[in-house]
C-alpha atoms as a PDB file:
ATOM      1  CA  UNK A   1      -7.669 -24.644  -5.343  1.00  0.00           C
ATOM      2  CA  UNK A   2      -5.398 -25.662  -2.499  1.00  0.00           C
ATOM      3  CA  UNK A   3      -2.387 -23.655  -3.642  1.00  0.00           C
ATOM      4  CA  UNK A   4       0.492 -23.884  -1.225  1.00  0.00           C
ATOM      5  CA  UNK A   5       1.936 -20.365  -0.999  1.00  0.00           C
ATOM      6  CA  UNK A   6       5.233 -19.183   0.459  1.00  0.00           C
ATOM      7  CA  UNK A   7       5.867 -15.499   1.223  1.00  0.00           C
ATOM      8  CA  UNK A   8       9.437 -14.213   1.465  1.00  0.00           C
ATOM      9  CA  UNK A   9      10.470 -10.824   2.888  1.00  0.00           C
ATOM     10  CA  UNK A  10      13.111  -9.269   5.139  1.00  0.00           C
ATOM     11  CA  UNK A  11      10.711  -9.728   8.087  1.00  0.00           C
ATOM     12  CA  UNK A  12      12.202 -11.739  10.926  1.00  0.00           C
ATOM     13  CA  UNK A  13       9.273 -14.050  11.691  1.00  0.00           C
ATOM     14  CA  UNK A  14       8.346 -17.460  10.309  1.00  0.00           C
ATOM     15  CA  UNK A  15       4.897 -18.994   9.972  1.00  0.00           C
ATOM     16  CA  UNK A  16       1.334 -17.928   9.137  1.00  0.00           C
ATOM     17  CA  UNK A  17      -0.525 -14.710   9.934  1.00  0.00           C
ATOM     18  CA  UNK A  18      -3.417 -15.021  12.370  1.00  0.00           C
ATOM     19  CA  UNK A  19      -6.280 -12.633  13.110  1.00  0.00           C
ATOM     20  CA  UNK A  20      -4.925 -11.762  16.535  1.00  0.00           C
ATOM     21  CA  UNK A  21      -1.956 -10.072  14.870  1.00  0.00           C
ATOM     22  CA  UNK A  22      -2.122  -6.374  15.890  1.00  0.00           C
ATOM     23  CA  UNK A  23       0.037  -5.257  12.955  1.00  0.00           C
ATOM     24  CA  UNK A  24      -1.862  -6.819  10.053  1.00  0.00           C
ATOM     25  CA  UNK A  25      -0.870  -4.210   7.490  1.00  0.00           C
ATOM     26  CA  UNK A  26      -1.082  -4.723   3.730  1.00  0.00           C
ATOM     27  CA  UNK A  27       1.664  -7.343   3.376  1.00  0.00           C
ATOM     28  CA  UNK A  28       0.352  -9.304   6.362  1.00  0.00           C
ATOM     29  CA  UNK A  29      -3.189  -9.097   4.965  1.00  0.00           C
ATOM     30  CA  UNK A  30      -1.956 -10.587   1.677  1.00  0.00           C
ATOM     31  CA  UNK A  31      -0.351 -13.444   3.584  1.00  0.00           C
ATOM     32  CA  UNK A  32      -3.489 -14.061   5.617  1.00  0.00           C
ATOM     33  CA  UNK A  33      -5.876 -14.125   2.645  1.00  0.00           C
ATOM     34  CA  UNK A  34      -3.616 -16.352   0.527  1.00  0.00           C
ATOM     35  CA  UNK A  35      -3.025 -18.650   3.525  1.00  0.00           C
ATOM     36  CA  UNK A  36       0.698 -18.193   2.930  1.00  0.00           C
ATOM     37  CA  UNK A  37       3.569 -19.227   5.159  1.00  0.00           C
ATOM     38  CA  UNK A  38       6.172 -16.518   5.678  1.00  0.00           C
ATOM     39  CA  UNK A  39       9.934 -17.049   5.717  1.00  0.00           C
ATOM     40  CA  UNK A  40      12.792 -14.531   5.998  1.00  0.00           C
ATOM     41  CA  UNK A  41      15.210 -14.555   3.031  1.00  0.00           C
ATOM     42  CA  UNK A  42      18.033 -16.419   4.844  1.00  0.00           C
ATOM     43  CA  UNK A  43      15.733 -19.404   5.480  1.00  0.00           C
ATOM     44  CA  UNK A  44      15.360 -20.166   1.761  1.00  0.00           C
ATOM     45  CA  UNK A  45      18.538 -22.236   1.694  1.00  0.00           C
ATOM     46  CA  UNK A  46      17.184 -24.495   4.456  1.00  0.00           C
ATOM     47  CA  UNK A  47      13.820 -25.256   2.831  1.00  0.00           C
ATOM     48  CA  UNK A  48      13.174 -28.431   0.803  1.00  0.00           C
ATOM     49  CA  UNK A  49      12.813 -28.529  -2.983  1.00  0.00           C
ATOM     50  CA  UNK A  50       9.398 -27.590  -4.465  1.00  0.00           C
ATOM     51  CA  UNK A  51       7.920 -26.888  -1.052  1.00  0.00           C
ATOM     52  CA  UNK A  52       5.483 -24.329  -2.470  1.00  0.00           C
ATOM     53  CA  UNK A  53       3.321 -24.120  -5.578  1.00  0.00           C
ATOM     54  CA  UNK A  54       3.691 -20.333  -5.597  1.00  0.00           C
ATOM     55  CA  UNK A  55       6.234 -18.012  -4.042  1.00  0.00           C
ATOM     56  CA  UNK A  56       5.649 -14.296  -3.483  1.00  0.00           C
ATOM     57  CA  UNK A  57       8.706 -12.188  -2.673  1.00  0.00           C
ATOM     58  CA  UNK A  58       8.946  -8.577  -1.515  1.00  0.00           C
ATOM     59  CA  UNK A  59      12.497  -7.402  -2.064  1.00  0.00           C
ATOM     60  CA  UNK A  60      13.859  -4.914   0.486  1.00  0.00           C
ATOM     61  CA  UNK A  61      14.623  -1.319  -0.473  1.00  0.00           C
ATOM     62  CA  UNK A  62      18.234  -1.921   0.600  1.00  0.00           C
ATOM     63  CA  UNK A  63      19.449  -4.923  -1.384  1.00  0.00           C
ATOM     64  CA  UNK A  64      23.239  -4.777  -1.033  1.00  0.00           C
ATOM     65  CA  UNK A  65      23.333  -7.910   1.148  1.00  0.00           C
ATOM     66  CA  UNK A  66      21.532  -9.920  -1.565  1.00  0.00           C
ATOM     67  CA  UNK A  67      23.867  -9.181  -4.469  1.00  0.00           C
ATOM     68  CA  UNK A  68      26.238 -12.071  -3.753  1.00  0.00           C
ATOM     69  CA  UNK A  69      23.602 -14.499  -2.488  1.00  0.00           C
ATOM     70  CA  UNK A  70      22.104 -17.075  -4.933  1.00  0.00           C
ATOM     71  CA  UNK A  71      18.587 -15.777  -4.233  1.00  0.00           C
ATOM     72  CA  UNK A  72      17.022 -16.619  -7.601  1.00  0.00           C
ATOM     73  CA  UNK A  73      18.511 -20.118  -7.645  1.00  0.00           C
ATOM     74  CA  UNK A  74      17.229 -20.873  -4.136  1.00  0.00           C
ATOM     75  CA  UNK A  75      13.838 -19.268  -4.845  1.00  0.00           C
ATOM     76  CA  UNK A  76      13.242 -21.378  -7.960  1.00  0.00           C
ATOM     77  CA  UNK A  77      14.359 -24.496  -6.127  1.00  0.00           C
ATOM     78  CA  UNK A  78      11.822 -23.995  -3.322  1.00  0.00           C
ATOM     79  CA  UNK A  79       8.856 -22.653  -5.372  1.00  0.00           C
ATOM     80  CA  UNK A  80       7.362 -24.054  -8.570  1.00  0.00           C
ATOM     81  CA  UNK A  81       6.197 -20.578  -9.620  1.00  0.00           C
ATOM     82  CA  UNK A  82       8.148 -17.499  -8.564  1.00  0.00           C
ATOM     83  CA  UNK A  83       6.723 -14.001  -8.351  1.00  0.00           C
ATOM     84  CA  UNK A  84       7.837 -10.658  -7.007  1.00  0.00           C
ATOM     85  CA  UNK A  85       5.700  -7.932  -5.455  1.00  0.00           C
ATOM     86  CA  UNK A  86       6.403  -4.322  -6.360  1.00  0.00           C
ATOM     87  CA  UNK A  87       7.795  -2.343  -3.436  1.00  0.00           C
ATOM     88  CA  UNK A  88       7.016   1.391  -3.196  1.00  0.00           C
ATOM     89  CA  UNK A  89       6.350   3.459  -6.350  1.00  0.00           C
ATOM     90  CA  UNK A  90       7.297   1.931  -9.666  1.00  0.00           C
ATOM     91  CA  UNK A  91      10.770   3.397 -10.274  1.00  0.00           C
ATOM     92  CA  UNK A  92      11.995   4.013  -6.723  1.00  0.00           C
ATOM     93  CA  UNK A  93      14.681   1.352  -7.258  1.00  0.00           C
ATOM     94  CA  UNK A  94      16.482   3.664  -9.691  1.00  0.00           C
ATOM     95  CA  UNK A  95      17.739   5.704  -6.721  1.00  0.00           C
ATOM     96  CA  UNK A  96      19.943   2.717  -5.835  1.00  0.00           C
ATOM     97  CA  UNK A  97      23.613   2.309  -6.873  1.00  0.00           C
ATOM     98  CA  UNK A  98      24.015   1.119 -10.469  1.00  0.00           C
ATOM     99  CA  UNK A  99      25.023  -2.434  -9.575  1.00  0.00           C
ATOM    100  CA  UNK A 100      21.900  -2.786  -7.402  1.00  0.00           C
ATOM    101  CA  UNK A 101      19.731  -1.478 -10.236  1.00  0.00           C
ATOM    102  CA  UNK A 102      21.165  -4.046 -12.643  1.00  0.00           C
ATOM    103  CA  UNK A 103      20.741  -6.833 -10.079  1.00  0.00           C
ATOM    104  CA  UNK A 104      17.113  -5.824  -9.448  1.00  0.00           C
ATOM    105  CA  UNK A 105      16.297  -5.671 -13.163  1.00  0.00           C
ATOM    106  CA  UNK A 106      17.885  -9.053 -13.840  1.00  0.00           C
ATOM    107  CA  UNK A 107      16.028 -10.610 -10.918  1.00  0.00           C
ATOM    108  CA  UNK A 108      12.538  -9.377 -11.812  1.00  0.00           C
ATOM    109  CA  UNK A 109      12.937 -10.361 -15.477  1.00  0.00           C
ATOM    110  CA  UNK A 110      13.273 -13.982 -14.322  1.00  0.00           C
ATOM    111  CA  UNK A 111       9.896 -13.992 -12.552  1.00  0.00           C
ATOM    112  CA  UNK A 112       6.761 -15.793 -13.706  1.00  0.00           C
ATOM    113  CA  UNK A 113       4.647 -12.830 -12.576  1.00  0.00           C
ATOM    114  CA  UNK A 114       5.379  -9.328 -11.304  1.00  0.00           C
ATOM    115  CA  UNK A 115       2.632  -8.190  -8.928  1.00  0.00           C
ATOM    116  CA  UNK A 116       1.835  -4.483  -9.025  1.00  0.00           C
ATOM    117  CA  UNK A 117      -0.093  -1.905  -6.999  1.00  0.00           C
ATOM    118  CA  UNK A 118      -1.682   0.253  -9.708  1.00  0.00           C
ATOM    119  CA  UNK A 119      -2.671   0.247 -13.367  1.00  0.00           C
ATOM    120  CA  UNK A 120       0.227   2.581 -14.191  1.00  0.00           C
ATOM    121  CA  UNK A 121       2.601   0.054 -12.605  1.00  0.00           C
ATOM    122  CA  UNK A 122       1.294  -2.792 -14.768  1.00  0.00           C
ATOM    123  CA  UNK A 123       2.222  -0.903 -17.919  1.00  0.00           C
ATOM    124  CA  UNK A 124       5.606   0.133 -16.562  1.00  0.00           C
ATOM    125  CA  UNK A 125       6.827  -3.265 -15.407  1.00  0.00           C
ATOM    126  CA  UNK A 126       5.497  -5.148 -18.428  1.00  0.00           C
ATOM    127  CA  UNK A 127       7.046  -2.644 -20.790  1.00  0.00           C
ATOM    128  CA  UNK A 128      10.368  -2.818 -18.959  1.00  0.00           C
ATOM    129  CA  UNK A 129      10.641  -6.592 -18.600  1.00  0.00           C
ATOM    130  CA  UNK A 130       8.084  -8.255 -20.922  1.00  0.00           C
ATOM    131  CA  UNK A 131       7.086 -10.346 -17.878  1.00  0.00           C
ATOM    132  CA  UNK A 132       3.413 -11.018 -17.114  1.00  0.00           C
ATOM    133  CA  UNK A 133       2.086  -8.409 -14.692  1.00  0.00           C
ATOM    134  CA  UNK A 134      -0.949  -8.673 -12.412  1.00  0.00           C
ATOM    135  CA  UNK A 135      -2.509  -6.425  -9.809  1.00  0.00           C
ATOM    136  CA  UNK A 136      -2.118  -7.432  -6.171  1.00  0.00           C
ATOM    137  CA  UNK A 137      -4.569  -4.897  -4.712  1.00  0.00           C
ATOM    138  CA  UNK A 138      -4.061  -3.451  -1.276  1.00  0.00           C
ATOM    139  CA  UNK A 139      -6.496  -5.147   1.092  1.00  0.00           C
ATOM    140  CA  UNK A 140      -7.688  -4.591   4.646  1.00  0.00           C
ATOM    141  CA  UNK A 141      -8.736  -7.234   7.168  1.00  0.00           C
ATOM    142  CA  UNK A 142     -11.795  -5.694   8.813  1.00  0.00           C
ATOM    143  CA  UNK A 143     -12.648  -8.360  11.416  1.00  0.00           C
ATOM    144  CA  UNK A 144     -13.338  -6.730  14.783  1.00  0.00           C
ATOM    145  CA  UNK A 145     -12.904  -3.152  13.520  1.00  0.00           C
ATOM    146  CA  UNK A 146     -15.754  -0.717  14.160  1.00  0.00           C
ATOM    147  CA  UNK A 147     -16.383   1.961  11.539  1.00  0.00           C
ATOM    148  CA  UNK A 148     -16.370   5.539  12.788  1.00  0.00           C
ATOM    149  CA  UNK A 149     -19.602   6.976  14.153  1.00  0.00           C
ATOM    150  CA  UNK A 150     -18.348  10.307  15.459  1.00  0.00           C
ATOM    151  CA  UNK A 151     -15.398  12.512  14.590  1.00  0.00           C
ATOM    152  CA  UNK A 152     -13.918  15.973  14.902  1.00  0.00           C
ATOM    153  CA  UNK A 153     -12.867  18.609  12.365  1.00  0.00           C
ATOM    154  CA  UNK A 154      -9.247  17.485  11.995  1.00  0.00           C
ATOM    155  CA  UNK A 155      -7.489  16.741   8.707  1.00  0.00           C
ATOM    156  CA  UNK A 156      -5.068  13.819   8.501  1.00  0.00           C
ATOM    157  CA  UNK A 157      -2.159  13.814   6.036  1.00  0.00           C
ATOM    158  CA  UNK A 158      -1.018  10.490   4.631  1.00  0.00           C
ATOM    159  CA  UNK A 159       2.696  11.188   4.908  1.00  0.00           C
ATOM    160  CA  UNK A 160       5.506  13.522   5.845  1.00  0.00           C
ATOM    161  CA  UNK A 161       7.184  16.468   4.096  1.00  0.00           C
ATOM    162  CA  UNK A 162       9.222  14.522   1.578  1.00  0.00           C
ATOM    163  CA  UNK A 163       8.772  14.150  -2.177  1.00  0.00           C
ATOM    164  CA  UNK A 164       7.345  10.632  -2.087  1.00  0.00           C
ATOM    165  CA  UNK A 165       4.529  11.537   0.312  1.00  0.00           C
ATOM    166  CA  UNK A 166       3.909  15.056  -1.012  1.00  0.00           C
ATOM    167  CA  UNK A 167       3.469  16.270   2.550  1.00  0.00           C
ATOM    168  CA  UNK A 168       4.055  19.962   1.828  1.00  0.00           C
ATOM    169  CA  UNK A 169       1.503  20.007  -1.011  1.00  0.00           C
ATOM    170  CA  UNK A 170      -0.966  18.052   1.098  1.00  0.00           C
ATOM    171  CA  UNK A 171      -0.552  20.544   3.948  1.00  0.00           C
ATOM    172  CA  UNK A 172      -1.349  23.485   1.666  1.00  0.00           C
ATOM    173  CA  UNK A 173      -4.550  21.765   0.524  1.00  0.00           C
ATOM    174  CA  UNK A 174      -5.501  20.775   4.070  1.00  0.00           C
ATOM    175  CA  UNK A 175      -5.330  24.422   5.165  1.00  0.00           C
ATOM    176  CA  UNK A 176      -8.387  25.056   2.959  1.00  0.00           C
ATOM    177  CA  UNK A 177     -10.383  22.856   5.344  1.00  0.00           C
ATOM    178  CA  UNK A 178      -8.947  23.420   8.798  1.00  0.00           C
ATOM    179  CA  UNK A 179      -5.865  24.509  10.725  1.00  0.00           C
ATOM    180  CA  UNK A 180      -6.251  21.376  12.843  1.00  0.00           C
ATOM    181  CA  UNK A 181      -3.866  19.244  10.777  1.00  0.00           C
ATOM    182  CA  UNK A 182      -2.136  16.026  11.781  1.00  0.00           C
ATOM    183  CA  UNK A 183       0.296  13.789   9.896  1.00  0.00           C
ATOM    184  CA  UNK A 184       1.348  10.205  10.347  1.00  0.00           C
ATOM    185  CA  UNK A 185       4.908   9.516  11.472  1.00  0.00           C
ATOM    186  CA  UNK A 186       7.229   7.670   9.096  1.00  0.00           C
ATOM    187  CA  UNK A 187      10.947   6.971   9.158  1.00  0.00           C
ATOM    188  CA  UNK A 188      11.459   9.933   6.839  1.00  0.00           C
ATOM    189  CA  UNK A 189       9.795  12.572   9.033  1.00  0.00           C
ATOM    190  CA  UNK A 190      11.750  15.806   9.360  1.00  0.00           C
ATOM    191  CA  UNK A 191      11.901  17.122  12.963  1.00  0.00           C
ATOM    192  CA  UNK A 192      10.961  20.652  11.823  1.00  0.00           C
ATOM    193  CA  UNK A 193       7.498  19.391  10.851  1.00  0.00           C
ATOM    194  CA  UNK A 194       6.487  19.454  14.514  1.00  0.00           C
ATOM    195  CA  UNK A 195       6.556  23.265  14.371  1.00  0.00           C
ATOM    196  CA  UNK A 196       3.828  23.234  11.707  1.00  0.00           C
ATOM    197  CA  UNK A 197       1.422  20.435  12.574  1.00  0.00           C
ATOM    198  CA  UNK A 198       0.595  17.572  14.930  1.00  0.00           C
ATOM    199  CA  UNK A 199       1.801  14.004  14.499  1.00  0.00           C
ATOM    200  CA  UNK A 200       0.485  10.580  15.341  1.00  0.00           C
ATOM    201  CA  UNK A 201       3.354   8.586  16.858  1.00  0.00           C
ATOM    202  CA  UNK A 202       4.389   5.316  15.238  1.00  0.00           C
ATOM    203  CA  UNK A 203       1.822   2.751  16.383  1.00  0.00           C
ATOM    204  CA  UNK A 204       0.782  -0.760  15.427  1.00  0.00           C
ATOM    205  CA  UNK A 205      -1.705  -1.008  12.573  1.00  0.00           C
ATOM    206  CA  UNK A 206      -4.678  -1.991  14.743  1.00  0.00           C
ATOM    207  CA  UNK A 207      -4.273   1.090  16.926  1.00  0.00           C
ATOM    208  CA  UNK A 208      -3.752   3.274  13.842  1.00  0.00           C
ATOM    209  CA  UNK A 209      -7.137   2.268  12.399  1.00  0.00           C
ATOM    210  CA  UNK A 210      -8.924   3.346  15.567  1.00  0.00           C
ATOM    211  CA  UNK A 211      -7.018   6.656  15.721  1.00  0.00           C
ATOM    212  CA  UNK A 212      -7.814   7.342  12.057  1.00  0.00           C
ATOM    213  CA  UNK A 213     -11.552   7.083  12.740  1.00  0.00           C
ATOM    214  CA  UNK A 214     -11.495  10.400  14.627  1.00  0.00           C
ATOM    215  CA  UNK A 215     -10.555  12.500  11.578  1.00  0.00           C
ATOM    216  CA  UNK A 216     -12.794  14.404   9.187  1.00  0.00           C
ATOM    217  CA  UNK A 217     -10.830  14.447   5.901  1.00  0.00           C
ATOM    218  CA  UNK A 218      -7.671  12.827   4.542  1.00  0.00           C
ATOM    219  CA  UNK A 219      -5.191  14.352   2.072  1.00  0.00           C
ATOM    220  CA  UNK A 220      -2.305  12.609   0.330  1.00  0.00           C
ATOM    221  CA  UNK A 221      -0.816  14.134  -2.816  1.00  0.00           C
ATOM    222  CA  UNK A 222       2.221  11.898  -3.138  1.00  0.00           C
ATOM    223  CA  UNK A 223       3.598   9.187  -5.400  1.00  0.00           C
ATOM    224  CA  UNK A 224       1.528   6.145  -6.355  1.00  0.00           C
ATOM    225  CA  UNK A 225       2.436   3.149  -4.198  1.00  0.00           C
ATOM    226  CA  UNK A 226       0.272   0.643  -2.283  1.00  0.00           C
ATOM    227  CA  UNK A 227      -2.430   3.167  -1.367  1.00  0.00           C
ATOM    228  CA  UNK A 228      -3.128   1.833   2.120  1.00  0.00           C
ATOM    229  CA  UNK A 229      -3.978   5.309   3.450  1.00  0.00           C
ATOM    230  CA  UNK A 230      -6.734   5.777   0.847  1.00  0.00           C
ATOM    231  CA  UNK A 231      -8.078   2.299   1.579  1.00  0.00           C
ATOM    232  CA  UNK A 232      -8.158   2.838   5.346  1.00  0.00           C
ATOM    233  CA  UNK A 233      -9.880   6.229   5.060  1.00  0.00           C
ATOM    234  CA  UNK A 234     -12.445   4.700   2.707  1.00  0.00           C
ATOM    235  CA  UNK A 235     -13.328   1.978   5.217  1.00  0.00           C
ATOM    236  CA  UNK A 236     -14.202   4.672   7.763  1.00  0.00           C
ATOM    237  CA  UNK A 237     -16.049   6.807   5.200  1.00  0.00           C
ATOM    238  CA  UNK A 238     -13.426   9.564   5.392  1.00  0.00           C
ATOM    239  CA  UNK A 239     -13.197  11.520   2.111  1.00  0.00           C
ATOM    240  CA  UNK A 240      -9.611  11.651   0.846  1.00  0.00           C
ATOM    241  CA  UNK A 241      -8.120  14.137  -1.622  1.00  0.00           C
ATOM    242  CA  UNK A 242      -5.433  12.629  -3.841  1.00  0.00           C
ATOM    243  CA  UNK A 243      -4.083  11.838  -7.301  1.00  0.00           C
ATOM    244  CA  UNK A 244      -5.726   9.627  -9.921  1.00  0.00           C
ATOM    245  CA  UNK A 245      -2.643   7.517 -10.712  1.00  0.00           C
ATOM    246  CA  UNK A 246      -3.210   5.679  -7.421  1.00  0.00           C
ATOM    247  CA  UNK A 247      -5.856   2.956  -7.829  1.00  0.00           C
ATOM    248  CA  UNK A 248      -7.244   3.121  -4.298  1.00  0.00           C
ATOM    249  CA  UNK A 249      -7.662   6.892  -4.651  1.00  0.00           C
ATOM    250  CA  UNK A 250      -9.293   6.866  -8.097  1.00  0.00           C
ATOM    251  CA  UNK A 251     -11.581   3.903  -7.427  1.00  0.00           C
ATOM    252  CA  UNK A 252     -12.553   4.573  -3.819  1.00  0.00           C
ATOM    253  CA  UNK A 253     -12.634   8.392  -3.785  1.00  0.00           C
ATOM    254  CA  UNK A 254     -13.811   9.426  -7.281  1.00  0.00           C
ATOM    255  CA  UNK A 255     -15.385  12.700  -6.110  1.00  0.00           C
ATOM    256  CA  UNK A 256     -12.198  13.940  -4.425  1.00  0.00           C
ATOM    257  CA  UNK A 257      -9.615  12.785  -6.993  1.00  0.00           C
ATOM    258  CA  UNK A 258      -7.527  15.113  -9.148  1.00  0.00           C
ATOM    259  CA  UNK A 259      -4.943  14.646 -11.881  1.00  0.00           C
ATOM    260  CA  UNK A 260      -1.260  14.842 -11.065  1.00  0.00           C
ATOM    261  CA  UNK A 261      -0.261  18.384 -10.132  1.00  0.00           C
ATOM    262  CA  UNK A 262      -3.788  19.828 -10.035  1.00  0.00           C
ATOM    263  CA  UNK A 263      -3.328  21.644  -6.729  1.00  0.00           C
ATOM    264  CA  UNK A 264      -5.900  24.337  -7.578  1.00  0.00           C
ATOM    265  CA  UNK A 265      -8.554  21.686  -8.165  1.00  0.00           C
ATOM    266  CA  UNK A 266      -7.549  19.859  -4.986  1.00  0.00           C
ATOM    267  CA  UNK A 267      -8.027  23.095  -3.025  1.00  0.00           C
ATOM    268  CA  UNK A 268     -11.448  23.613  -4.633  1.00  0.00           C
ATOM    269  CA  UNK A 269     -12.504  20.112  -3.570  1.00  0.00           C
ATOM    270  CA  UNK A 270     -11.164  20.721  -0.064  1.00  0.00           C
ATOM    271  CA  UNK A 271     -13.340  23.820   0.254  1.00  0.00           C
ATOM    272  CA  UNK A 272     -16.359  21.911  -1.090  1.00  0.00           C
ATOM    273  CA  UNK A 273     -15.911  19.306   1.635  1.00  0.00           C
ATOM    274  CA  UNK A 274     -16.989  21.940   4.165  1.00  0.00           C
ATOM    275  CA  UNK A 275     -20.464  21.673   2.631  1.00  0.00           C
ATOM    276  CA  UNK A 276     -22.389  19.026   4.593  1.00  0.00           C
ATOM    277  CA  UNK A 277     -24.320  17.735   1.557  1.00  0.00           C
ATOM    278  CA  UNK A 278     -21.187  17.212  -0.565  1.00  0.00           C
ATOM    279  CA  UNK A 279     -19.314  15.722   2.391  1.00  0.00           C
ATOM    280  CA  UNK A 280     -22.048  13.149   3.013  1.00  0.00           C
ATOM    281  CA  UNK A 281     -22.132  12.236  -0.687  1.00  0.00           C
ATOM    282  CA  UNK A 282     -18.364  11.619  -0.639  1.00  0.00           C
ATOM    283  CA  UNK A 283     -18.612   9.650   2.603  1.00  0.00           C
ATOM    284  CA  UNK A 284     -21.417   7.391   1.354  1.00  0.00           C
ATOM    285  CA  UNK A 285     -19.769   6.907  -2.044  1.00  0.00           C
ATOM    286  CA  UNK A 286     -16.427   5.783  -0.687  1.00  0.00           C
ATOM    287  CA  UNK A 287     -17.911   3.319   1.802  1.00  0.00           C
ATOM    288  CA  UNK A 288     -20.064   1.721  -0.899  1.00  0.00           C
ATOM    289  CA  UNK A 289     -17.109   1.433  -3.256  1.00  0.00           C
ATOM    290  CA  UNK A 290     -14.976  -0.123  -0.524  1.00  0.00           C
ATOM    291  CA  UNK A 291     -17.393  -3.059  -0.327  1.00  0.00           C
ATOM    292  CA  UNK A 292     -17.810  -3.170  -4.106  1.00  0.00           C
ATOM    293  CA  UNK A 293     -14.134  -3.164  -5.100  1.00  0.00           C
ATOM    294  CA  UNK A 294     -11.872  -3.790  -2.103  1.00  0.00           C
ATOM    295  CA  UNK A 295     -13.497  -6.326   0.180  1.00  0.00           C
ATOM    296  CA  UNK A 296     -11.639  -9.432   1.296  1.00  0.00           C
ATOM    297  CA  UNK A 297     -13.936 -11.509  -0.927  1.00  0.00           C
ATOM    298  CA  UNK A 298     -12.993  -9.471  -4.011  1.00  0.00           C
ATOM    299  CA  UNK A 299      -9.299  -9.930  -3.235  1.00  0.00           C
ATOM    300  CA  UNK A 300      -9.618 -13.721  -2.914  1.00  0.00           C
ATOM    301  CA  UNK A 301     -11.637 -13.908  -6.142  1.00  0.00           C
ATOM    302  CA  UNK A 302      -8.901 -12.009  -8.006  1.00  0.00           C
ATOM    303  CA  UNK A 303      -6.178 -14.230  -6.503  1.00  0.00           C
ATOM    304  CA  UNK A 304      -7.978 -17.358  -7.682  1.00  0.00           C
ATOM    305  CA  UNK A 305      -8.467 -15.860 -11.166  1.00  0.00           C
ATOM    306  CA  UNK A 306      -4.711 -15.293 -11.507  1.00  0.00           C
ATOM    307  CA  UNK A 307      -3.951 -18.970 -10.922  1.00  0.00           C
ATOM    308  CA  UNK A 308      -6.947 -20.511 -12.694  1.00  0.00           C
END
């Protein structure tokens, strides 16, 4: 197709993503597979007219500095088609001050496409804006990564003890499997957590994937966002307990998925995972579904369909 794609975020770098990037998380993986060139927001005003066929923008969670900047005008000048990628769960932006909420709503209603993480997000954003919505699935670049071949009995939580990650709920479910519980470290981690469980320090994505391979089970009972944790556990064949409103959970981990708030059922599944036969079934199922639904090839095919 030869689409020329520009990616715009608050990131400070400029250029293309290469495979030697050690922090090729979801947004970087999108850039790599669409062969996009990245620019920070302030560079828009310096770029020539109609430089890109398609623009993809990820707006920052803190948008105060953009309110008085002609972002939409500059974006449409540089890109023939303008799109925005959902950031975080679908209505997180309503925690912002009222003027930022209004600015955000007005901006996304001017897009050609709003890209979303999950099926529930498609309905929400289309209903809110009447703008075309499409899935931009979370994707993982697997080049050079070795799948796990041995692991311990530890449980890994996909977030900290805050509402968005559901860390407290996840911890209660994890206790049904093991007392050897570890959580990832995010910017919202509460220091008191260290009295209850272990933590993986903040590391680059490539190191994180190798560390993850040593765990037995994943649990994340939080809000529905990009779902990178569920995708990464699936690659390694690690069963993950989580909610069905998250696409990567429902599609990749069907045997360990529960409906929102079903903590009793989540605990039942956690106990079942101590059975070797059920564990192996979950492990084999999620690895097969990773290749079937979330490979790099599937992502590129979907991207081409959107613009065909």
